[in-house]
Each structure stands twice: as C-alpha cells, then as structure tokens.
C-alpha cells in the first residue's frame, strides 16, 4: 500500500480508487486483527489448561515456551490492533476529504442550481 504524497498540495484530489484501496486495507487489517486475537485466545486457553494441570498435579513441568508463545502472540495482536486503528483513521480521513472536495466542487460549479 502506497500512501499518496499530498504535502498540502491543493491540486491533489482524493480519488474513488484511493478511497476503495483504503477500505480494502481496512478490511485486511480487520481480518489480521481478528486472526491475531483468535491465536492469542487459543494460546491463553492452552496456557490456562497447562497451569491448571500443573496445580492439580503439583508438578510444574517447563512451561516457559508457552509463556514466550503467549508473549509473542500478544505482541502480534497489539501490532495488528495498531495497524487496524491506523487503517480506520486513514479510511475515515479519506472519506471526509472526498466529501469535502465534492462539496467544494459543487459550490464552485457555476451551472449548479440548488434544488
């Protein structure tokens, strides 16, 4: 995904294609975030079962790897959630910019007559 380079250039318009691309990025980010959350939940459920078994048996076999797996899954989820938030913000911003541009064009159109 390449971000447009607008740098305050008022001649750069938001295109429907750009908005559609941002919406597709948002959908992909939602999917990745959901997958990361499901993986994290699965790891935590396994960790809970292992800990329950360890308490019940009174023996703690090495569970360090599972803790590391949970930490890694949490990090992936947090990254996916941050990307989802950024994609939401970008998509919303582009939609607002497009609506603003349309309204400005409507106002500047000399042939425009209000209904």
C-alpha atoms as a PDB file:
ATOM      1  CA  UNK A   1       0.000   0.000   0.000  1.00  0.00           C
ATOM      2  CA  UNK A   2       1.468   3.309  -1.072  1.00  0.00           C
ATOM      3  CA  UNK A   3       0.247   6.479   0.612  1.00  0.00           C
ATOM      4  CA  UNK A   4      -0.442   9.485  -1.599  1.00  0.00           C
ATOM      5  CA  UNK A   5       2.022  12.328  -1.371  1.00  0.00           C
ATOM      6  CA  UNK A   6      -0.152  15.380  -0.880  1.00  0.00           C
ATOM      7  CA  UNK A   7       2.085  17.701   1.187  1.00  0.00           C
ATOM      8  CA  UNK A   8      -0.566  20.386   1.293  1.00  0.00           C
ATOM      9  CA  UNK A   9      -0.930  20.383  -2.489  1.00  0.00           C
ATOM     10  CA  UNK A  10      -4.475  21.572  -3.104  1.00  0.00           C
ATOM     11  CA  UNK A  11      -4.382  20.167  -6.647  1.00  0.00           C
ATOM     12  CA  UNK A  12      -4.128  16.592  -5.390  1.00  0.00           C
ATOM     13  CA  UNK A  13      -7.621  15.167  -5.313  1.00  0.00           C
ATOM     14  CA  UNK A  14      -8.889  12.167  -3.433  1.00  0.00           C
ATOM     15  CA  UNK A  15      -9.993   9.583  -5.951  1.00  0.00           C
ATOM     16  CA  UNK A  16     -12.607   6.904  -5.517  1.00  0.00           C
ATOM     17  CA  UNK A  17      -9.853   4.398  -6.229  1.00  0.00           C
ATOM     18  CA  UNK A  18      -7.818   5.723  -3.323  1.00  0.00           C
ATOM     19  CA  UNK A  19     -10.833   5.503  -1.017  1.00  0.00           C
ATOM     20  CA  UNK A  20     -11.549   1.964  -2.245  1.00  0.00           C
ATOM     21  CA  UNK A  21      -7.921   0.996  -1.662  1.00  0.00           C
ATOM     22  CA  UNK A  22      -8.067   2.399   1.869  1.00  0.00           C
ATOM     23  CA  UNK A  23     -11.298   0.475   2.504  1.00  0.00           C
ATOM     24  CA  UNK A  24      -9.656  -2.731   1.256  1.00  0.00           C
ATOM     25  CA  UNK A  25      -6.663  -2.078   3.528  1.00  0.00           C
ATOM     26  CA  UNK A  26      -9.090  -1.584   6.404  1.00  0.00           C
ATOM     27  CA  UNK A  27     -10.779  -4.912   5.653  1.00  0.00           C
ATOM     28  CA  UNK A  28      -7.409  -6.693   5.540  1.00  0.00           C
ATOM     29  CA  UNK A  29      -6.369  -5.052   8.814  1.00  0.00           C
ATOM     30  CA  UNK A  30      -9.636  -6.160  10.441  1.00  0.00           C
ATOM     31  CA  UNK A  31      -9.040  -9.713   9.258  1.00  0.00           C
ATOM     32  CA  UNK A  32      -5.443  -9.755  10.530  1.00  0.00           C
ATOM     33  CA  UNK A  33      -6.516  -8.319  13.868  1.00  0.00           C
ATOM     34  CA  UNK A  34      -9.260 -10.924  14.242  1.00  0.00           C
ATOM     35  CA  UNK A  35      -6.832 -13.725  13.377  1.00  0.00           C
ATOM     36  CA  UNK A  36      -4.239 -12.407  15.822  1.00  0.00           C
ATOM     37  CA  UNK A  37      -6.873 -12.145  18.569  1.00  0.00           C
ATOM     38  CA  UNK A  38      -8.018 -15.735  17.906  1.00  0.00           C
ATOM     39  CA  UNK A  39      -4.439 -17.015  18.058  1.00  0.00           C
ATOM     40  CA  UNK A  40      -3.818 -15.118  21.288  1.00  0.00           C
ATOM     41  CA  UNK A  41      -7.020 -16.507  22.789  1.00  0.00           C
ATOM     42  CA  UNK A  42      -6.023 -20.048  21.816  1.00  0.00           C
ATOM     43  CA  UNK A  43      -2.570 -19.685  23.332  1.00  0.00           C
ATOM     44  CA  UNK A  44      -4.019 -18.274  26.537  1.00  0.00           C
ATOM     45  CA  UNK A  45      -6.540 -21.112  26.765  1.00  0.00           C
ATOM     46  CA  UNK A  46      -3.728 -23.665  26.382  1.00  0.00           C
ATOM     47  CA  UNK A  47      -1.692 -21.820  28.987  1.00  0.00           C
ATOM     48  CA  UNK A  48      -4.633 -21.867  31.404  1.00  0.00           C
ATOM     49  CA  UNK A  49      -5.078 -25.627  30.904  1.00  0.00           C
ATOM     50  CA  UNK A  50      -1.368 -26.283  31.429  1.00  0.00           C
ATOM     51  CA  UNK A  51      -1.343 -24.182  34.588  1.00  0.00           C
ATOM     52  CA  UNK A  52      -4.495 -25.889  35.894  1.00  0.00           C
ATOM     53  CA  UNK A  53      -2.912 -29.296  35.254  1.00  0.00           C
ATOM     54  CA  UNK A  54       0.298 -28.209  36.952  1.00  0.00           C
ATOM     55  CA  UNK A  55      -1.555 -27.039  40.062  1.00  0.00           C
ATOM     56  CA  UNK A  56      -3.690 -30.176  40.150  1.00  0.00           C
ATOM     57  CA  UNK A  57      -0.677 -32.471  39.757  1.00  0.00           C
ATOM     58  CA  UNK A  58       1.536 -30.373  41.994  1.00  0.00           C
ATOM     59  CA  UNK A  59       4.244 -30.503  39.374  1.00  0.00           C
ATOM     60  CA  UNK A  60       5.292 -27.661  37.130  1.00  0.00           C
ATOM     61  CA  UNK A  61       6.862 -29.035  34.029  1.00  0.00           C
ATOM     62  CA  UNK A  62       8.681 -26.473  31.934  1.00  0.00           C
ATOM     63  CA  UNK A  63       6.087 -24.059  30.588  1.00  0.00           C
ATOM     64  CA  UNK A  64       8.463 -21.281  29.675  1.00  0.00           C
ATOM     65  CA  UNK A  65       7.981 -21.907  25.944  1.00  0.00           C
ATOM     66  CA  UNK A  66       4.238 -21.482  26.305  1.00  0.00           C
ATOM     67  CA  UNK A  67       4.711 -18.191  28.153  1.00  0.00           C
ATOM     68  CA  UNK A  68       7.005 -16.994  25.353  1.00  0.00           C
ATOM     69  CA  UNK A  69       4.428 -18.071  22.782  1.00  0.00           C
ATOM     70  CA  UNK A  70       1.775 -16.078  24.641  1.00  0.00           C
ATOM     71  CA  UNK A  71       4.025 -13.010  24.747  1.00  0.00           C
ATOM     72  CA  UNK A  72       4.711 -13.283  21.010  1.00  0.00           C
ATOM     73  CA  UNK A  73       1.010 -13.736  20.231  1.00  0.00           C
ATOM     74  CA  UNK A  74       0.183 -10.706  22.366  1.00  0.00           C
ATOM     75  CA  UNK A  75       2.798  -8.618  20.554  1.00  0.00           C
ATOM     76  CA  UNK A  76       1.393  -9.681  17.164  1.00  0.00           C
ATOM     77  CA  UNK A  77      -2.134  -8.853  18.298  1.00  0.00           C
ATOM     78  CA  UNK A  78      -1.117  -5.431  19.609  1.00  0.00           C
ATOM     79  CA  UNK A  79       0.657  -4.668  16.326  1.00  0.00           C
ATOM     80  CA  UNK A  80      -2.380  -5.797  14.331  1.00  0.00           C
ATOM     81  CA  UNK A  81      -4.671  -3.682  16.524  1.00  0.00           C
ATOM     82  CA  UNK A  82      -2.456  -0.627  15.995  1.00  0.00           C
ATOM     83  CA  UNK A  83      -2.476  -1.172  12.226  1.00  0.00           C
ATOM     84  CA  UNK A  84      -6.251  -1.558  12.312  1.00  0.00           C
ATOM     85  CA  UNK A  85      -6.589   1.748  14.160  1.00  0.00           C
ATOM     86  CA  UNK A  86      -4.324   3.461  11.616  1.00  0.00           C
ATOM     87  CA  UNK A  87      -6.287   1.964   8.713  1.00  0.00           C
ATOM     88  CA  UNK A  88      -9.568   3.132  10.259  1.00  0.00           C
ATOM     89  CA  UNK A  89      -8.187   6.630  10.724  1.00  0.00           C
ATOM     90  CA  UNK A  90      -6.845   6.783   7.173  1.00  0.00           C
ATOM     91  CA  UNK A  91     -10.074   5.487   5.667  1.00  0.00           C
ATOM     92  CA  UNK A  92     -12.174   7.951   7.643  1.00  0.00           C
ATOM     93  CA  UNK A  93      -9.854  10.820   6.727  1.00  0.00           C
ATOM     94  CA  UNK A  94     -10.014   9.990   3.038  1.00  0.00           C
ATOM     95  CA  UNK A  95     -13.800   9.778   3.141  1.00  0.00           C
ATOM     96  CA  UNK A  96     -14.000  13.185   4.815  1.00  0.00           C
ATOM     97  CA  UNK A  97     -11.534  14.641   2.305  1.00  0.00           C
ATOM     98  CA  UNK A  98     -13.514  13.216  -0.601  1.00  0.00           C
ATOM     99  CA  UNK A  99     -16.774  14.606   0.768  1.00  0.00           C
ATOM    100  CA  UNK A 100     -15.129  17.998   1.302  1.00  0.00           C
ATOM    101  CA  UNK A 101     -13.745  18.033  -2.235  1.00  0.00           C
ATOM    102  CA  UNK A 102     -17.128  17.112  -3.671  1.00  0.00           C
ATOM    103  CA  UNK A 103     -18.830  19.867  -1.702  1.00  0.00           C
ATOM    104  CA  UNK A 104     -16.234  22.431  -2.820  1.00  0.00           C
ATOM    105  CA  UNK A 105     -16.638  21.372  -6.440  1.00  0.00           C
ATOM    106  CA  UNK A 106     -20.400  21.584  -6.122  1.00  0.00           C
ATOM    107  CA  UNK A 107     -20.131  25.103  -4.696  1.00  0.00           C
ATOM    108  CA  UNK A 108     -17.690  26.225  -7.399  1.00  0.00           C
ATOM    109  CA  UNK A 109     -19.746  24.824 -10.278  1.00  0.00           C
ATOM    110  CA  UNK A 110     -21.260  27.910 -11.991  1.00  0.00           C
ATOM    111  CA  UNK A 111     -24.028  25.802 -13.512  1.00  0.00           C
ATOM    112  CA  UNK A 112     -25.063  24.426 -10.139  1.00  0.00           C
ATOM    113  CA  UNK A 113     -28.543  25.375  -9.068  1.00  0.00           C
ATOM    114  CA  UNK A 114     -29.878  24.315  -5.685  1.00  0.00           C
ATOM    115  CA  UNK A 115     -32.992  22.160  -5.870  1.00  0.00           C
END
